[in-house]
Amino acid sequence: MLLPIKQVIVTEFGVEHALRVKIARGDVVVKIGTALGFGEYWDVELAEGEYSLAFVPHRGFLYQAWGAAQLGFCTSIASRSSLPAG
């Protein structure tokens, strides 16, 4: 399942952010970056389970997830900010 590309506008620079990813079945590719197709923060293939992908953005970011095979299914992705980096 291909999830739509989401853009997040960051107002807290230098603050750790994270995406909470829940995968129901199969393997799912998740890319997080500053431009479409780039994965400079994360470019990873994840198996079934729940994950928290942390990074410190320098500006807004985009994320997208899709099944690595036809059975890959991501049920949700949620963005949150965390603690100041450092």
C-alpha atoms as a PDB file:
ATOM      1  CA  MET A   1       0.000   0.000   0.000  1.00  0.00           C
ATOM      2  CA  LEU A   2       1.403   3.364  -1.016  1.00  0.00           C
ATOM      3  CA  LEU A   3       0.703   6.110   1.508  1.00  0.00           C
ATOM      4  CA  PRO A   4       0.518   9.676   0.220  1.00  0.00           C
ATOM      5  CA  ILE A   5       3.569  11.872   0.648  1.00  0.00           C
ATOM      6  CA  LYS A   6       3.205  14.025   3.742  1.00  0.00           C
ATOM      7  CA  GLN A   7       4.960  17.340   4.294  1.00  0.00           C
ATOM      8  CA  VAL A   8       5.680  18.540   7.826  1.00  0.00           C
ATOM      9  CA  ILE A   9       6.439  22.195   8.542  1.00  0.00           C
ATOM     10  CA  VAL A  10       8.965  22.481  11.347  1.00  0.00           C
ATOM     11  CA  THR A  11       8.841  25.394  13.781  1.00  0.00           C
ATOM     12  CA  GLU A  12      11.268  23.914  16.320  1.00  0.00           C
ATOM     13  CA  PHE A  13      14.707  23.640  14.731  1.00  0.00           C
ATOM     14  CA  GLY A  14      17.387  21.698  16.617  1.00  0.00           C
ATOM     15  CA  VAL A  15      14.675  19.660  18.340  1.00  0.00           C
ATOM     16  CA  GLU A  16      14.521  15.909  17.904  1.00  0.00           C
ATOM     17  CA  HIS A  17      11.454  14.764  16.005  1.00  0.00           C
ATOM     18  CA  ALA A  18      10.266  11.223  15.417  1.00  0.00           C
ATOM     19  CA  LEU A  19       7.879   9.338  13.210  1.00  0.00           C
ATOM     20  CA  ARG A  20       5.919   6.562  14.885  1.00  0.00           C
ATOM     21  CA  VAL A  21       5.422   3.840  12.261  1.00  0.00           C
ATOM     22  CA  LYS A  22       3.078   0.853  12.601  1.00  0.00           C
ATOM     23  CA  ILE A  23       3.393  -1.964  10.067  1.00  0.00           C
ATOM     24  CA  ALA A  24       0.660  -4.599  10.018  1.00  0.00           C
ATOM     25  CA  ARG A  25       2.307  -7.102   7.667  1.00  0.00           C
ATOM     26  CA  GLY A  26       5.173  -7.570   5.250  1.00  0.00           C
ATOM     27  CA  ASP A  27       8.070  -5.199   4.688  1.00  0.00           C
ATOM     28  CA  VAL A  28       7.559  -1.456   4.189  1.00  0.00           C
ATOM     29  CA  VAL A  29      10.027   1.126   2.869  1.00  0.00           C
ATOM     30  CA  VAL A  30      10.017   4.448   4.744  1.00  0.00           C
ATOM     31  CA  LYS A  31      11.832   7.540   3.455  1.00  0.00           C
ATOM     32  CA  ILE A  32      12.189  10.761   5.440  1.00  0.00           C
ATOM     33  CA  GLY A  33      13.988  13.697   3.854  1.00  0.00           C
ATOM     34  CA  THR A  34      13.933  17.358   2.917  1.00  0.00           C
ATOM     35  CA  ALA A  35      12.820  16.799  -0.694  1.00  0.00           C
ATOM     36  CA  LEU A  36      10.749  14.303  -2.642  1.00  0.00           C
ATOM     37  CA  GLY A  37      12.687  11.071  -3.203  1.00  0.00           C
ATOM     38  CA  PHE A  38      15.449  11.918  -0.732  1.00  0.00           C
ATOM     39  CA  GLY A  39      15.986   9.960   2.456  1.00  0.00           C
ATOM     40  CA  GLU A  40      18.785  11.837   4.165  1.00  0.00           C
ATOM     41  CA  TYR A  41      17.161  11.398   7.594  1.00  0.00           C
ATOM     42  CA  TRP A  42      15.858   7.843   7.074  1.00  0.00           C
ATOM     43  CA  ASP A  43      15.734   5.458   4.109  1.00  0.00           C
ATOM     44  CA  VAL A  44      14.906   2.090   5.603  1.00  0.00           C
ATOM     45  CA  GLU A  45      12.947  -1.108   4.994  1.00  0.00           C
ATOM     46  CA  LEU A  46      11.006  -2.210   8.089  1.00  0.00           C
ATOM     47  CA  ALA A  47       9.346  -5.521   8.942  1.00  0.00           C
ATOM     48  CA  GLU A  48       6.038  -5.983  10.780  1.00  0.00           C
ATOM     49  CA  GLY A  49       5.971  -4.111  14.100  1.00  0.00           C
ATOM     50  CA  GLU A  50       6.054  -0.621  15.628  1.00  0.00           C
ATOM     51  CA  TYR A  51       8.979   1.770  15.254  1.00  0.00           C
ATOM     52  CA  SER A  52      10.048   5.238  16.312  1.00  0.00           C
ATOM     53  CA  LEU A  53      12.405   6.858  13.776  1.00  0.00           C
ATOM     54  CA  ALA A  54      14.138   9.838  15.409  1.00  0.00           C
ATOM     55  CA  PHE A  55      16.019  12.651  13.662  1.00  0.00           C
ATOM     56  CA  VAL A  56      16.800  16.372  14.044  1.00  0.00           C
ATOM     57  CA  PRO A  57      15.386  18.340  11.090  1.00  0.00           C
ATOM     58  CA  HIS A  58      17.009  21.555   9.890  1.00  0.00           C
ATOM     59  CA  ARG A  59      13.860  22.607   8.006  1.00  0.00           C
ATOM     60  CA  GLY A  60      10.563  21.069   6.962  1.00  0.00           C
ATOM     61  CA  PHE A  61      10.586  17.441   5.899  1.00  0.00           C
ATOM     62  CA  LEU A  62       8.652  14.957   3.789  1.00  0.00           C
ATOM     63  CA  TYR A  63       7.892  11.335   4.452  1.00  0.00           C
ATOM     64  CA  GLN A  64       6.442   8.461   2.477  1.00  0.00           C
ATOM     65  CA  ALA A  65       5.965   4.726   2.995  1.00  0.00           C
ATOM     66  CA  TRP A  66       5.148   1.903   0.616  1.00  0.00           C
ATOM     67  CA  GLY A  67       5.087  -1.885   0.650  1.00  0.00           C
ATOM     68  CA  ALA A  68       8.379  -3.413  -0.465  1.00  0.00           C
ATOM     69  CA  ALA A  69       6.280  -6.284  -1.865  1.00  0.00           C
ATOM     70  CA  GLN A  70       2.557  -6.488  -2.558  1.00  0.00           C
ATOM     71  CA  LEU A  71       1.900  -7.738   0.974  1.00  0.00           C
ATOM     72  CA  GLY A  72       3.592  -4.810   2.741  1.00  0.00           C
ATOM     73  CA  PHE A  73       1.011  -2.770   4.645  1.00  0.00           C
ATOM     74  CA  CYS A  74       1.670   0.281   6.819  1.00  0.00           C
ATOM     75  CA  THR A  75      -1.304   1.121   9.048  1.00  0.00           C
ATOM     76  CA  SER A  76      -0.160   4.531  10.324  1.00  0.00           C
ATOM     77  CA  ILE A  77       2.614   7.096  10.547  1.00  0.00           C
ATOM     78  CA  ALA A  78       2.474   9.942  13.070  1.00  0.00           C
ATOM     79  CA  SER A  79       4.930  12.812  13.519  1.00  0.00           C
ATOM     80  CA  ARG A  80       5.918  14.245  16.902  1.00  0.00           C
ATOM     81  CA  SER A  81       8.617  16.450  18.364  1.00  0.00           C
ATOM     82  CA  SER A  82      10.614  15.267  21.335  1.00  0.00           C
ATOM     83  CA  LEU A  83      13.450  16.665  23.430  1.00  0.00           C
ATOM     84  CA  PRO A  84      16.017  19.289  22.388  1.00  0.00           C
ATOM     85  CA  ALA A  85      18.952  17.631  20.653  1.00  0.00           C
ATOM     86  CA  GLY A  86      22.307  17.696  22.303  1.00  0.00           C
END
